[in-house]
């Protein structure tokens, strides 16, 4: 609690997975996600990272709950280039290709992404006593104010559920089978997160 932008959530998950833990890291961010069916932002992009130890490269899923991370919008603003109209809405709730007019971003998978953003805010904001969504000051606007963000970090000792070597072996078998999937046309290889 009482934190700020902590960088890439996957960084922390990877550190824990490298030490043999299954891990979850989440953070609440300022309101930018327009919930499914709503016309203005309420939740943040609320990044989520989940990782697992392997005998090689850890499995690390690191994602935002919006269809794209806000950093892509910010980069388009700096570069002065348009964005796809399906990235988000302007202040009137209309799709826009102007990155300077973005007032909110679409959630991933519609109502499912909205629900996931809400659960992350519950873990990171409500549970920690910190502000949520519209009550968190804007990262790129309120630069002189402390963020006071809440995060959620969980490290699960795999050894409490099964022998770590057996877990890594079983996960290794799953990943081998996954990598052996025939790639789609125009795709060189099927990759797992991480």
C-alpha atoms as a PDB file:
ATOM      1  CA  UNK A   1       0.000   0.000   0.000  1.00  0.00           C
ATOM      2  CA  UNK A   2       0.940   3.665  -0.415  1.00  0.00           C
ATOM      3  CA  UNK A   3       2.963   2.713  -3.467  1.00  0.00           C
ATOM      4  CA  UNK A   4       3.320   4.037  -6.999  1.00  0.00           C
ATOM      5  CA  UNK A   5       3.914   2.628 -10.474  1.00  0.00           C
ATOM      6  CA  UNK A   6       6.048  -0.455  -9.838  1.00  0.00           C
ATOM      7  CA  UNK A   7       7.100  -1.186 -13.400  1.00  0.00           C
ATOM      8  CA  UNK A   8       6.446  -4.493 -15.115  1.00  0.00           C
ATOM      9  CA  UNK A   9       4.422  -6.907 -12.928  1.00  0.00           C
ATOM     10  CA  UNK A  10       6.022  -9.846 -14.736  1.00  0.00           C
ATOM     11  CA  UNK A  11       9.444  -8.846 -13.385  1.00  0.00           C
ATOM     12  CA  UNK A  12       8.432  -9.714  -9.816  1.00  0.00           C
ATOM     13  CA  UNK A  13       6.646 -12.900 -10.861  1.00  0.00           C
ATOM     14  CA  UNK A  14       9.704 -14.053 -12.817  1.00  0.00           C
ATOM     15  CA  UNK A  15      11.929 -13.453  -9.771  1.00  0.00           C
ATOM     16  CA  UNK A  16       9.659 -15.607  -7.606  1.00  0.00           C
ATOM     17  CA  UNK A  17       9.246 -18.324 -10.263  1.00  0.00           C
ATOM     18  CA  UNK A  18      13.038 -18.511 -10.632  1.00  0.00           C
ATOM     19  CA  UNK A  19      13.170 -19.230  -6.881  1.00  0.00           C
ATOM     20  CA  UNK A  20      10.663 -22.095  -7.277  1.00  0.00           C
ATOM     21  CA  UNK A  21       7.410 -20.351  -6.353  1.00  0.00           C
ATOM     22  CA  UNK A  22       4.157 -20.061  -8.233  1.00  0.00           C
ATOM     23  CA  UNK A  23       3.326 -16.349  -8.048  1.00  0.00           C
ATOM     24  CA  UNK A  24       0.638 -13.762  -8.680  1.00  0.00           C
ATOM     25  CA  UNK A  25       1.237 -10.011  -8.779  1.00  0.00           C
ATOM     26  CA  UNK A  26      -1.531  -7.468  -9.433  1.00  0.00           C
ATOM     27  CA  UNK A  27      -1.814  -3.719  -9.177  1.00  0.00           C
ATOM     28  CA  UNK A  28      -4.601  -1.188  -9.313  1.00  0.00           C
ATOM     29  CA  UNK A  29      -4.161   1.848 -11.547  1.00  0.00           C
ATOM     30  CA  UNK A  30      -6.086   5.042 -12.248  1.00  0.00           C
ATOM     31  CA  UNK A  31      -9.420   4.810 -14.091  1.00  0.00           C
ATOM     32  CA  UNK A  32      -8.875   4.150 -17.782  1.00  0.00           C
ATOM     33  CA  UNK A  33     -10.888   0.984 -18.482  1.00  0.00           C
ATOM     34  CA  UNK A  34     -14.458   1.654 -19.556  1.00  0.00           C
ATOM     35  CA  UNK A  35     -16.418  -1.291 -18.101  1.00  0.00           C
ATOM     36  CA  UNK A  36     -18.521  -3.323 -20.500  1.00  0.00           C
ATOM     37  CA  UNK A  37     -21.811  -1.505 -20.981  1.00  0.00           C
ATOM     38  CA  UNK A  38     -20.603   1.764 -19.394  1.00  0.00           C
ATOM     39  CA  UNK A  39     -19.747   5.055 -21.076  1.00  0.00           C
ATOM     40  CA  UNK A  40     -16.930   6.332 -18.869  1.00  0.00           C
ATOM     41  CA  UNK A  41     -13.819   4.845 -17.244  1.00  0.00           C
ATOM     42  CA  UNK A  42     -14.025   3.300 -13.778  1.00  0.00           C
ATOM     43  CA  UNK A  43     -11.236   0.730 -13.325  1.00  0.00           C
ATOM     44  CA  UNK A  44      -7.584   1.006 -14.260  1.00  0.00           C
ATOM     45  CA  UNK A  45      -5.746  -1.132 -16.785  1.00  0.00           C
ATOM     46  CA  UNK A  46      -5.036  -3.201 -13.640  1.00  0.00           C
ATOM     47  CA  UNK A  47      -2.109  -5.353 -14.757  1.00  0.00           C
ATOM     48  CA  UNK A  48      -1.932  -8.975 -13.682  1.00  0.00           C
ATOM     49  CA  UNK A  49       1.060 -11.301 -13.822  1.00  0.00           C
ATOM     50  CA  UNK A  50       1.078 -15.008 -12.988  1.00  0.00           C
ATOM     51  CA  UNK A  51       4.160 -17.207 -13.094  1.00  0.00           C
ATOM     52  CA  UNK A  52       5.282 -20.794 -12.540  1.00  0.00           C
ATOM     53  CA  UNK A  53       8.723 -22.367 -12.130  1.00  0.00           C
ATOM     54  CA  UNK A  54      10.011 -24.705 -14.832  1.00  0.00           C
ATOM     55  CA  UNK A  55      13.288 -26.443 -15.652  1.00  0.00           C
ATOM     56  CA  UNK A  56      13.849 -23.733 -18.270  1.00  0.00           C
ATOM     57  CA  UNK A  57      12.223 -20.399 -18.996  1.00  0.00           C
ATOM     58  CA  UNK A  58       9.467 -19.821 -16.388  1.00  0.00           C
ATOM     59  CA  UNK A  59       5.881 -19.550 -17.558  1.00  0.00           C
ATOM     60  CA  UNK A  60       5.038 -15.857 -17.024  1.00  0.00           C
ATOM     61  CA  UNK A  61       1.751 -14.335 -18.147  1.00  0.00           C
ATOM     62  CA  UNK A  62       1.875 -10.520 -17.825  1.00  0.00           C
ATOM     63  CA  UNK A  63      -1.101  -8.584 -19.139  1.00  0.00           C
ATOM     64  CA  UNK A  64      -3.367  -5.604 -18.688  1.00  0.00           C
ATOM     65  CA  UNK A  65      -7.140  -6.003 -18.386  1.00  0.00           C
ATOM     66  CA  UNK A  66      -7.590  -3.585 -21.291  1.00  0.00           C
ATOM     67  CA  UNK A  67      -7.333  -4.682 -24.904  1.00  0.00           C
ATOM     68  CA  UNK A  68      -4.044  -2.758 -25.155  1.00  0.00           C
ATOM     69  CA  UNK A  69      -1.764  -1.233 -22.516  1.00  0.00           C
ATOM     70  CA  UNK A  70      -1.966   2.546 -22.178  1.00  0.00           C
ATOM     71  CA  UNK A  71       1.749   2.772 -23.011  1.00  0.00           C
ATOM     72  CA  UNK A  72       0.878   2.100 -26.662  1.00  0.00           C
ATOM     73  CA  UNK A  73      -1.451   5.114 -26.663  1.00  0.00           C
ATOM     74  CA  UNK A  74       1.202   7.275 -24.988  1.00  0.00           C
ATOM     75  CA  UNK A  75       3.787   6.198 -27.585  1.00  0.00           C
ATOM     76  CA  UNK A  76       1.400   7.060 -30.440  1.00  0.00           C
ATOM     77  CA  UNK A  77       0.883  10.502 -28.833  1.00  0.00           C
ATOM     78  CA  UNK A  78       4.644  11.097 -28.737  1.00  0.00           C
ATOM     79  CA  UNK A  79       5.111   9.853 -32.304  1.00  0.00           C
ATOM     80  CA  UNK A  80       2.117  11.844 -33.563  1.00  0.00           C
ATOM     81  CA  UNK A  81       0.544   8.883 -35.318  1.00  0.00           C
ATOM     82  CA  UNK A  82      -3.066   7.636 -35.344  1.00  0.00           C
ATOM     83  CA  UNK A  83      -4.209   4.551 -33.463  1.00  0.00           C
ATOM     84  CA  UNK A  84      -6.725   1.874 -34.477  1.00  0.00           C
ATOM     85  CA  UNK A  85     -10.314   2.936 -33.758  1.00  0.00           C
ATOM     86  CA  UNK A  86     -10.965  -0.188 -31.685  1.00  0.00           C
ATOM     87  CA  UNK A  87      -8.449   0.738 -28.956  1.00  0.00           C
ATOM     88  CA  UNK A  88     -10.732   3.065 -27.020  1.00  0.00           C
ATOM     89  CA  UNK A  89     -13.169   5.944 -26.752  1.00  0.00           C
ATOM     90  CA  UNK A  90     -12.991   9.722 -26.630  1.00  0.00           C
ATOM     91  CA  UNK A  91     -14.664  11.787 -23.893  1.00  0.00           C
ATOM     92  CA  UNK A  92     -18.053  11.503 -25.605  1.00  0.00           C
ATOM     93  CA  UNK A  93     -17.882   7.708 -25.740  1.00  0.00           C
ATOM     94  CA  UNK A  94     -17.077   7.484 -29.457  1.00  0.00           C
ATOM     95  CA  UNK A  95     -14.268   5.428 -31.023  1.00  0.00           C
ATOM     96  CA  UNK A  96     -11.288   7.589 -31.986  1.00  0.00           C
ATOM     97  CA  UNK A  97      -8.068   7.253 -33.950  1.00  0.00           C
ATOM     98  CA  UNK A  98      -6.562  10.321 -32.257  1.00  0.00           C
ATOM     99  CA  UNK A  99      -4.404   9.144 -29.317  1.00  0.00           C
ATOM    100  CA  UNK A 100      -4.690  12.606 -27.694  1.00  0.00           C
ATOM    101  CA  UNK A 101      -8.469  12.179 -27.446  1.00  0.00           C
ATOM    102  CA  UNK A 102      -8.474   8.779 -25.712  1.00  0.00           C
ATOM    103  CA  UNK A 103     -10.533   8.982 -22.520  1.00  0.00           C
ATOM    104  CA  UNK A 104     -10.873   5.262 -21.926  1.00  0.00           C
ATOM    105  CA  UNK A 105      -9.822   1.853 -23.222  1.00  0.00           C
ATOM    106  CA  UNK A 106     -11.819  -1.264 -24.017  1.00  0.00           C
ATOM    107  CA  UNK A 107     -11.628  -4.183 -21.571  1.00  0.00           C
ATOM    108  CA  UNK A 108     -10.317  -7.498 -22.861  1.00  0.00           C
ATOM    109  CA  UNK A 109     -13.138  -9.933 -23.674  1.00  0.00           C
ATOM    110  CA  UNK A 110     -15.947  -7.493 -22.867  1.00  0.00           C
ATOM    111  CA  UNK A 111     -17.716  -8.260 -19.601  1.00  0.00           C
ATOM    112  CA  UNK A 112     -15.059 -10.809 -18.617  1.00  0.00           C
ATOM    113  CA  UNK A 113     -12.305  -8.190 -18.729  1.00  0.00           C
ATOM    114  CA  UNK A 114     -14.487  -5.791 -16.728  1.00  0.00           C
ATOM    115  CA  UNK A 115     -15.018  -8.475 -14.099  1.00  0.00           C
ATOM    116  CA  UNK A 116     -11.309  -9.275 -13.937  1.00  0.00           C
ATOM    117  CA  UNK A 117     -10.444  -5.560 -13.534  1.00  0.00           C
ATOM    118  CA  UNK A 118     -12.967  -5.352 -10.681  1.00  0.00           C
ATOM    119  CA  UNK A 119     -11.523  -8.392  -8.879  1.00  0.00           C
ATOM    120  CA  UNK A 120      -8.014  -6.946  -9.177  1.00  0.00           C
ATOM    121  CA  UNK A 121      -9.240  -3.645  -7.722  1.00  0.00           C
ATOM    122  CA  UNK A 122     -10.821  -5.554  -4.825  1.00  0.00           C
ATOM    123  CA  UNK A 123      -7.541  -7.349  -4.060  1.00  0.00           C
ATOM    124  CA  UNK A 124      -5.320  -4.293  -4.569  1.00  0.00           C
ATOM    125  CA  UNK A 125      -7.478  -1.401  -3.417  1.00  0.00           C
ATOM    126  CA  UNK A 126     -10.348  -2.480  -1.196  1.00  0.00           C
ATOM    127  CA  UNK A 127      -8.354  -5.158   0.656  1.00  0.00           C
ATOM    128  CA  UNK A 128      -5.362  -2.826   1.209  1.00  0.00           C
ATOM    129  CA  UNK A 129      -7.426   0.217   2.224  1.00  0.00           C
ATOM    130  CA  UNK A 130      -6.228   2.193  -0.804  1.00  0.00           C
ATOM    131  CA  UNK A 131      -8.223   4.179  -3.383  1.00  0.00           C
ATOM    132  CA  UNK A 132      -9.746   2.362  -6.374  1.00  0.00           C
ATOM    133  CA  UNK A 133     -10.343   3.280 -10.007  1.00  0.00           C
ATOM    134  CA  UNK A 134     -11.748   6.821 -10.237  1.00  0.00           C
ATOM    135  CA  UNK A 135     -10.310   7.766  -6.829  1.00  0.00           C
ATOM    136  CA  UNK A 136      -6.679   7.095  -7.844  1.00  0.00           C
ATOM    137  CA  UNK A 137      -4.914  10.196  -9.137  1.00  0.00           C
ATOM    138  CA  UNK A 138      -3.892  10.125 -12.811  1.00  0.00           C
ATOM    139  CA  UNK A 139      -0.351   8.917 -13.420  1.00  0.00           C
ATOM    140  CA  UNK A 140       0.335  11.142 -16.430  1.00  0.00           C
ATOM    141  CA  UNK A 141      -1.599  14.184 -15.159  1.00  0.00           C
ATOM    142  CA  UNK A 142      -1.239  14.524 -11.368  1.00  0.00           C
ATOM    143  CA  UNK A 143       2.541  14.252 -11.340  1.00  0.00           C
ATOM    144  CA  UNK A 144       3.055  16.154  -8.072  1.00  0.00           C
ATOM    145  CA  UNK A 145       0.673  14.001  -6.010  1.00  0.00           C
ATOM    146  CA  UNK A 146       1.606  10.671  -4.356  1.00  0.00           C
ATOM    147  CA  UNK A 147      -0.110   7.754  -6.110  1.00  0.00           C
ATOM    148  CA  UNK A 148      -1.026   5.759  -2.959  1.00  0.00           C
ATOM    149  CA  UNK A 149      -1.572   2.586  -4.976  1.00  0.00           C
ATOM    150  CA  UNK A 150      -2.276  -0.838  -3.581  1.00  0.00           C
ATOM    151  CA  UNK A 151      -0.693  -4.011  -4.955  1.00  0.00           C
ATOM    152  CA  UNK A 152      -1.331  -7.689  -4.328  1.00  0.00           C
ATOM    153  CA  UNK A 153       1.597 -10.127  -4.266  1.00  0.00           C
ATOM    154  CA  UNK A 154       1.308 -13.844  -3.611  1.00  0.00           C
ATOM    155  CA  UNK A 155       4.083 -16.433  -3.606  1.00  0.00           C
ATOM    156  CA  UNK A 156       2.883 -20.033  -3.384  1.00  0.00           C
ATOM    157  CA  UNK A 157       5.351 -22.640  -2.164  1.00  0.00           C
ATOM    158  CA  UNK A 158       4.788 -25.402  -4.717  1.00  0.00           C
ATOM    159  CA  UNK A 159       6.394 -27.873  -2.289  1.00  0.00           C
ATOM    160  CA  UNK A 160       3.349 -27.583  -0.021  1.00  0.00           C
ATOM    161  CA  UNK A 161       1.221 -29.169  -2.738  1.00  0.00           C
ATOM    162  CA  UNK A 162       3.624 -31.591  -4.434  1.00  0.00           C
ATOM    163  CA  UNK A 163       7.320 -32.273  -4.809  1.00  0.00           C
ATOM    164  CA  UNK A 164       8.791 -29.303  -6.737  1.00  0.00           C
ATOM    165  CA  UNK A 165      10.690 -31.631  -9.091  1.00  0.00           C
ATOM    166  CA  UNK A 166       7.451 -33.471  -9.925  1.00  0.00           C
ATOM    167  CA  UNK A 167       5.667 -30.157 -10.547  1.00  0.00           C
ATOM    168  CA  UNK A 168       8.418 -29.001 -12.904  1.00  0.00           C
ATOM    169  CA  UNK A 169       8.390 -32.377 -14.666  1.00  0.00           C
ATOM    170  CA  UNK A 170       4.595 -32.297 -15.161  1.00  0.00           C
ATOM    171  CA  UNK A 171       4.651 -28.671 -16.303  1.00  0.00           C
ATOM    172  CA  UNK A 172       7.549 -29.524 -18.616  1.00  0.00           C
ATOM    173  CA  UNK A 173       5.444 -32.290 -20.197  1.00  0.00           C
ATOM    174  CA  UNK A 174       2.565 -29.859 -20.721  1.00  0.00           C
ATOM    175  CA  UNK A 175       4.862 -27.266 -22.290  1.00  0.00           C
ATOM    176  CA  UNK A 176       6.464 -29.875 -24.564  1.00  0.00           C
ATOM    177  CA  UNK A 177       3.038 -30.947 -25.820  1.00  0.00           C
ATOM    178  CA  UNK A 178       2.040 -27.302 -26.218  1.00  0.00           C
ATOM    179  CA  UNK A 179       5.162 -26.425 -28.234  1.00  0.00           C
ATOM    180  CA  UNK A 180       4.527 -29.443 -30.480  1.00  0.00           C
ATOM    181  CA  UNK A 181       1.172 -28.041 -31.614  1.00  0.00           C
ATOM    182  CA  UNK A 182       1.219 -27.517 -35.363  1.00  0.00           C
ATOM    183  CA  UNK A 183       1.631 -23.768 -36.005  1.00  0.00           C
ATOM    184  CA  UNK A 184      -1.053 -21.886 -37.880  1.00  0.00           C
ATOM    185  CA  UNK A 185      -0.351 -20.800 -41.424  1.00  0.00           C
ATOM    186  CA  UNK A 186       2.272 -18.051 -41.459  1.00  0.00           C
ATOM    187  CA  UNK A 187       3.401 -18.779 -37.882  1.00  0.00           C
ATOM    188  CA  UNK A 188       6.880 -20.203 -37.366  1.00  0.00           C
ATOM    189  CA  UNK A 189       6.452 -21.638 -33.870  1.00  0.00           C
ATOM    190  CA  UNK A 190       3.922 -21.790 -31.013  1.00  0.00           C
ATOM    191  CA  UNK A 191       5.247 -20.010 -27.887  1.00  0.00           C
ATOM    192  CA  UNK A 192       4.085 -20.092 -24.281  1.00  0.00           C
ATOM    193  CA  UNK A 193       3.910 -16.955 -22.109  1.00  0.00           C
ATOM    194  CA  UNK A 194       7.325 -16.066 -20.765  1.00  0.00           C
END
